[in-house]
C-alpha atoms as a PDB file:
ATOM      1  CA  UNK A   1      70.001 109.345 -37.578  1.00  0.00           C
ATOM      2  CA  UNK A   2      70.485 113.076 -37.301  1.00  0.00           C
ATOM      3  CA  UNK A   3      70.409 115.372 -40.274  1.00  0.00           C
ATOM      4  CA  UNK A   4      74.043 116.225 -40.944  1.00  0.00           C
ATOM      5  CA  UNK A   5      73.454 119.034 -43.407  1.00  0.00           C
ATOM      6  CA  UNK A   6      74.639 122.443 -42.368  1.00  0.00           C
ATOM      7  CA  UNK A   7      72.147 125.175 -42.991  1.00  0.00           C
ATOM      8  CA  UNK A   8      73.459 128.555 -43.963  1.00  0.00           C
ATOM      9  CA  UNK A   9      71.883 131.417 -42.048  1.00  0.00           C
ATOM     10  CA  UNK A  10      69.459 133.300 -44.246  1.00  0.00           C
ATOM     11  CA  UNK A  11      70.906 136.571 -45.378  1.00  0.00           C
ATOM     12  CA  UNK A  12      68.760 139.626 -45.352  1.00  0.00           C
ATOM     13  CA  UNK A  13      68.226 141.195 -48.765  1.00  0.00           C
ATOM     14  CA  UNK A  14      69.613 144.647 -49.435  1.00  0.00           C
ATOM     15  CA  UNK A  15      66.129 146.130 -49.562  1.00  0.00           C
ATOM     16  CA  UNK A  16      65.132 144.604 -46.217  1.00  0.00           C
ATOM     17  CA  UNK A  17      68.381 145.803 -44.679  1.00  0.00           C
ATOM     18  CA  UNK A  18      67.832 149.361 -45.933  1.00  0.00           C
ATOM     19  CA  UNK A  19      64.200 149.372 -44.792  1.00  0.00           C
ATOM     20  CA  UNK A  20      65.320 148.321 -41.302  1.00  0.00           C
ATOM     21  CA  UNK A  21      67.905 151.117 -41.254  1.00  0.00           C
ATOM     22  CA  UNK A  22      65.297 153.609 -42.496  1.00  0.00           C
ATOM     23  CA  UNK A  23      62.870 152.553 -39.762  1.00  0.00           C
ATOM     24  CA  UNK A  24      65.589 152.971 -37.144  1.00  0.00           C
ATOM     25  CA  UNK A  25      66.444 156.432 -38.516  1.00  0.00           C
ATOM     26  CA  UNK A  26      62.782 157.461 -38.470  1.00  0.00           C
ATOM     27  CA  UNK A  27      62.470 156.223 -34.877  1.00  0.00           C
ATOM     28  CA  UNK A  28      65.484 158.350 -33.940  1.00  0.00           C
ATOM     29  CA  UNK A  29      63.925 161.318 -35.710  1.00  0.00           C
ATOM     30  CA  UNK A  30      60.701 160.826 -33.759  1.00  0.00           C
ATOM     31  CA  UNK A  31      62.601 160.670 -30.475  1.00  0.00           C
ATOM     32  CA  UNK A  32      64.584 163.744 -31.454  1.00  0.00           C
ATOM     33  CA  UNK A  33      61.385 165.617 -32.287  1.00  0.00           C
ATOM     34  CA  UNK A  34      59.761 164.603 -28.987  1.00  0.00           C
ATOM     35  CA  UNK A  35      62.860 165.575 -26.998  1.00  0.00           C
ATOM     36  CA  UNK A  36      63.068 168.919 -28.753  1.00  0.00           C
ATOM     37  CA  UNK A  37      59.596 169.965 -27.613  1.00  0.00           C
ATOM     38  CA  UNK A  38      59.603 168.326 -24.179  1.00  0.00           C
ATOM     39  CA  UNK A  39      60.079 171.057 -21.596  1.00  0.00           C
ATOM     40  CA  UNK A  40      61.331 168.574 -18.989  1.00  0.00           C
ATOM     41  CA  UNK A  41      64.344 167.543 -21.089  1.00  0.00           C
ATOM     42  CA  UNK A  42      67.655 169.299 -20.608  1.00  0.00           C
ATOM     43  CA  UNK A  43      69.684 170.879 -23.381  1.00  0.00           C
ATOM     44  CA  UNK A  44      72.105 167.945 -23.211  1.00  0.00           C
ATOM     45  CA  UNK A  45      69.233 165.518 -23.837  1.00  0.00           C
ATOM     46  CA  UNK A  46      68.167 167.563 -26.859  1.00  0.00           C
ATOM     47  CA  UNK A  47      71.732 167.715 -28.213  1.00  0.00           C
ATOM     48  CA  UNK A  48      72.141 163.980 -27.598  1.00  0.00           C
ATOM     49  CA  UNK A  49      68.949 163.116 -29.446  1.00  0.00           C
ATOM     50  CA  UNK A  50      69.905 165.407 -32.362  1.00  0.00           C
ATOM     51  CA  UNK A  51      73.323 163.752 -32.459  1.00  0.00           C
ATOM     52  CA  UNK A  52      71.716 160.297 -32.375  1.00  0.00           C
ATOM     53  CA  UNK A  53      69.428 161.209 -35.262  1.00  0.00           C
ATOM     54  CA  UNK A  54      72.333 162.659 -37.260  1.00  0.00           C
ATOM     55  CA  UNK A  55      74.362 159.521 -36.635  1.00  0.00           C
ATOM     56  CA  UNK A  56      71.486 157.274 -37.763  1.00  0.00           C
ATOM     57  CA  UNK A  57      70.961 159.409 -40.862  1.00  0.00           C
ATOM     58  CA  UNK A  58      74.668 159.222 -41.692  1.00  0.00           C
ATOM     59  CA  UNK A  59      74.685 155.427 -41.279  1.00  0.00           C
ATOM     60  CA  UNK A  60      71.606 155.148 -43.493  1.00  0.00           C
ATOM     61  CA  UNK A  61      73.251 157.293 -46.172  1.00  0.00           C
ATOM     62  CA  UNK A  62      76.432 155.208 -46.079  1.00  0.00           C
ATOM     63  CA  UNK A  63      74.445 151.969 -46.251  1.00  0.00           C
ATOM     64  CA  UNK A  64      72.447 153.226 -49.245  1.00  0.00           C
ATOM     65  CA  UNK A  65      75.652 154.304 -50.992  1.00  0.00           C
ATOM     66  CA  UNK A  66      77.283 150.947 -50.226  1.00  0.00           C
ATOM     67  CA  UNK A  67      74.257 149.084 -51.547  1.00  0.00           C
ATOM     68  CA  UNK A  68      74.305 151.172 -54.724  1.00  0.00           C
ATOM     69  CA  UNK A  69      78.008 150.489 -55.264  1.00  0.00           C
ATOM     70  CA  UNK A  70      77.565 146.797 -54.469  1.00  0.00           C
ATOM     71  CA  UNK A  71      74.685 146.342 -56.919  1.00  0.00           C
ATOM     72  CA  UNK A  72      75.981 148.577 -59.726  1.00  0.00           C
ATOM     73  CA  UNK A  73      77.743 145.738 -61.579  1.00  0.00           C
ATOM     74  CA  UNK A  74      74.579 143.623 -61.431  1.00  0.00           C
ATOM     75  CA  UNK A  75      72.530 146.529 -62.744  1.00  0.00           C
ATOM     76  CA  UNK A  76      74.983 147.212 -65.569  1.00  0.00           C
ATOM     77  CA  UNK A  77      75.011 143.550 -66.619  1.00  0.00           C
ATOM     78  CA  UNK A  78      71.211 143.413 -66.494  1.00  0.00           C
ATOM     79  CA  UNK A  79      70.832 146.591 -68.549  1.00  0.00           C
ATOM     80  CA  UNK A  80      73.368 145.306 -71.091  1.00  0.00           C
ATOM     81  CA  UNK A  81      71.524 141.982 -71.381  1.00  0.00           C
ATOM     82  CA  UNK A  82      68.186 143.728 -71.864  1.00  0.00           C
ATOM     83  CA  UNK A  83      69.732 146.053 -74.448  1.00  0.00           C
ATOM     84  CA  UNK A  84      71.296 143.119 -76.282  1.00  0.00           C
ATOM     85  CA  UNK A  85      67.957 141.264 -76.285  1.00  0.00           C
ATOM     86  CA  UNK A  86      66.109 144.347 -77.506  1.00  0.00           C
ATOM     87  CA  UNK A  87      68.610 144.985 -80.298  1.00  0.00           C
ATOM     88  CA  UNK A  88      68.402 141.336 -81.362  1.00  0.00           C
ATOM     89  CA  UNK A  89      64.607 141.481 -81.455  1.00  0.00           C
ATOM     90  CA  UNK A  90      64.660 144.715 -83.447  1.00  0.00           C
ATOM     91  CA  UNK A  91      67.168 143.296 -85.920  1.00  0.00           C
ATOM     92  CA  UNK A  92      65.091 140.142 -86.343  1.00  0.00           C
ATOM     93  CA  UNK A  93      61.951 142.208 -86.856  1.00  0.00           C
ATOM     94  CA  UNK A  94      63.689 144.460 -89.386  1.00  0.00           C
ATOM     95  CA  UNK A  95      65.123 141.487 -91.305  1.00  0.00           C
ATOM     96  CA  UNK A  96      61.697 139.824 -91.397  1.00  0.00           C
ATOM     97  CA  UNK A  97      60.128 143.062 -92.656  1.00  0.00           C
ATOM     98  CA  UNK A  98      62.792 143.388 -95.395  1.00  0.00           C
ATOM     99  CA  UNK A  99      62.220 139.758 -96.391  1.00  0.00           C
ATOM    100  CA  UNK A 100      58.458 140.317 -96.646  1.00  0.00           C
ATOM    101  CA  UNK A 101      59.003 143.425 -98.800  1.00  0.00           C
ATOM    102  CA  UNK A 102      61.271 141.461-101.170  1.00  0.00           C
ATOM    103  CA  UNK A 103      58.744 138.615-101.371  1.00  0.00           C
ATOM    104  CA  UNK A 104      55.931 141.057-102.148  1.00  0.00           C
ATOM    105  CA  UNK A 105      58.048 142.728-104.829  1.00  0.00           C
ATOM    106  CA  UNK A 106      58.878 139.339-106.381  1.00  0.00           C
ATOM    107  CA  UNK A 107      55.224 138.263-106.286  1.00  0.00           C
ATOM    108  CA  UNK A 108      54.251 141.534-107.961  1.00  0.00           C
ATOM    109  CA  UNK A 109      56.848 140.990-110.723  1.00  0.00           C
ATOM    110  CA  UNK A 110      55.601 137.408-111.226  1.00  0.00           C
ATOM    111  CA  UNK A 111      52.032 138.695-111.601  1.00  0.00           C
ATOM    112  CA  UNK A 112      53.139 141.339-114.103  1.00  0.00           C
ATOM    113  CA  UNK A 113      55.065 138.742-116.128  1.00  0.00           C
ATOM    114  CA  UNK A 114      52.087 136.377-116.113  1.00  0.00           C
ATOM    115  CA  UNK A 115      49.844 139.189-117.434  1.00  0.00           C
ATOM    116  CA  UNK A 116      52.253 139.885-120.304  1.00  0.00           C
ATOM    117  CA  UNK A 117      52.311 136.279-121.434  1.00  0.00           C
END
């Protein structure tokens, strides 16, 4: 019998997506640079390659901004959770330290009282 489960297409992570866009932008920059210094290319070719690079750079910038906006809530929640965990650990450590100080003070008083008797 055939497998009836439907597999979701794997989504590319934000980092992979941005790396792909960066590679494409760098390729366009390389082509623009080559066109700029190629004497056989016309001015229209140079302008076209500069425009293509500018367009790729603009798309990359918009994608980075979109990724930042998309992941900001996740980052804020993560930072808040880490802060909460850190504060809890510090409070626990401080309370334990205060408890130890009180115990040491009580033990010292007990020793002093035993010496007096």
